[in-house]
Amino acid sequence: MAKGDIINGLAAIAASASTSFQPAAGVEIILWYTSYGIGASAQGVKAVGLTNGTQKTGLIALEAATEHGTNGFRMGITNAIFLSWLNDATAKDFGYSGIQVK
């Protein structure tokens, strides 16, 4: 991957689990969209946030069935501080899209 490349990804997250997307060392990415679930399967998603591998923040609480993504937000991630999803009691698919800036 190189500066200017589009970054897209999908992940299946088990019930009551979390997962993350951590760029390689020296890489910086600006995310502009995250998505999860479809219809009723999206209910109960806990949060999209940042983590350093130990500490986690919930930047956006995603609890309503009508919320299926975070279009229009901007979040920079690096190898040290990266994207994290926290799931509820139902397995879901999650995705993200952004651009590599470094």
Protein backbone atom coordinates (compact mmCIF):
# COMPACT_ATOMS: atom_id res chain seq x y z
CA MET A 1 0.00 0.00 0.00
CA ALA A 2 1.10 3.54 -0.67
CA LYS A 3 0.09 7.10 0.11
CA GLY A 4 -3.15 7.91 -1.70
CA ASP A 5 -4.40 4.32 -1.86
CA ILE A 6 -8.01 3.61 -0.90
CA ILE A 7 -8.29 1.34 2.13
CA ASN A 8 -11.37 -0.89 2.48
CA GLY A 9 -12.00 -3.84 4.74
CA LEU A 10 -14.63 -6.19 6.12
CA ALA A 11 -14.65 -8.21 9.32
CA ALA A 12 -17.07 -10.68 10.86
CA ILE A 13 -17.29 -10.17 14.61
CA ALA A 14 -18.60 -12.89 16.88
CA ALA A 15 -21.29 -12.26 19.48
CA SER A 16 -20.08 -10.30 22.52
CA ALA A 17 -16.64 -9.79 20.96
CA SER A 18 -14.52 -6.93 19.71
CA THR A 19 -12.06 -6.53 16.88
CA SER A 20 -9.79 -3.86 15.53
CA PHE A 21 -8.02 -2.60 12.40
CA GLN A 22 -4.38 -1.66 13.03
CA PRO A 23 -2.28 -0.23 10.19
CA ALA A 24 1.34 -1.27 9.77
CA ALA A 25 4.06 0.72 11.55
CA GLY A 26 4.64 4.11 9.89
CA VAL A 27 1.28 4.05 8.07
CA GLU A 28 -1.41 6.68 8.72
CA ILE A 29 -4.99 6.34 7.45
CA ILE A 30 -7.95 8.69 7.46
CA LEU A 31 -11.20 6.73 7.74
CA TRP A 32 -14.35 8.37 6.45
CA TYR A 33 -16.87 5.56 6.82
CA THR A 34 -17.60 2.53 8.97
CA SER A 35 -20.56 0.21 8.52
CA TYR A 36 -22.10 -2.77 10.28
CA GLY A 37 -24.96 -5.25 10.05
CA ILE A 38 -28.13 -4.92 8.00
CA GLY A 39 -31.67 -4.40 9.29
CA ALA A 40 -32.46 -5.89 12.68
CA SER A 41 -29.03 -7.56 12.81
CA ALA A 42 -27.51 -4.10 13.37
CA GLN A 43 -29.35 -3.58 16.64
CA GLY A 44 -27.24 -3.57 19.77
CA VAL A 45 -23.86 -2.69 18.29
CA LYS A 46 -22.03 -1.09 21.18
CA ALA A 47 -19.46 1.30 19.76
CA VAL A 48 -16.90 2.24 17.17
CA GLY A 49 -13.86 3.85 18.72
CA LEU A 50 -10.11 4.00 19.14
CA THR A 51 -7.74 1.73 21.01
CA ASN A 52 -4.04 1.46 21.73
CA GLY A 53 -4.41 -2.28 22.33
CA THR A 54 -5.07 -1.81 26.05
CA GLN A 55 -7.28 1.23 26.53
CA LYS A 56 -10.45 1.69 24.44
CA THR A 57 -12.68 4.66 23.74
CA GLY A 58 -16.20 4.60 22.35
CA LEU A 59 -16.24 7.52 19.94
CA ILE A 60 -19.62 6.69 18.49
CA ALA A 61 -22.32 4.69 20.28
CA LEU A 62 -24.36 2.73 17.74
CA GLU A 63 -27.46 1.37 19.37
CA ALA A 64 -30.43 2.05 17.06
CA ALA A 65 -31.67 -0.28 14.32
CA THR A 66 -31.71 2.68 11.93
CA GLU A 67 -27.98 3.37 12.37
CA HIS A 68 -25.86 1.31 10.01
CA GLY A 69 -22.72 3.37 9.62
CA THR A 70 -20.81 6.55 10.29
CA ASN A 71 -20.75 8.22 6.88
CA GLY A 72 -19.22 11.70 6.89
CA PHE A 73 -17.05 11.39 9.98
CA ARG A 74 -13.27 11.56 9.86
CA MET A 75 -10.94 9.58 12.09
CA GLY A 76 -7.18 9.29 11.76
CA ILE A 77 -5.62 6.00 12.78
CA THR A 78 -2.01 4.87 13.13
CA ASN A 79 -0.18 1.77 14.32
CA ALA A 80 -0.24 3.19 17.86
CA ILE A 81 -3.90 4.37 17.98
CA PHE A 82 -6.25 2.38 15.78
CA LEU A 83 -9.88 1.47 15.02
CA SER A 84 -11.90 -0.73 17.38
CA TRP A 85 -15.43 -2.20 17.24
CA LEU A 86 -17.31 -3.57 20.24
CA ASN A 87 -20.16 -5.96 19.49
CA ASP A 88 -23.23 -7.10 21.45
CA ALA A 89 -24.76 -10.56 21.75
CA THR A 90 -25.32 -11.11 17.99
CA ALA A 91 -22.63 -11.80 15.38
CA LYS A 92 -22.33 -9.03 12.78
CA ASP A 93 -20.31 -7.94 9.79
CA PHE A 94 -18.38 -4.67 10.02
CA GLY A 95 -16.57 -2.64 7.39
CA TYR A 96 -14.51 0.50 6.91
CA SER A 97 -13.27 2.74 4.12
CA GLY A 98 -10.61 5.42 4.02
CA ILE A 99 -7.41 6.62 2.42
CA GLN A 100 -3.76 6.13 3.31
CA VAL A 101 -2.14 9.52 3.93
CA LYS A 102 1.36 8.37 5.00
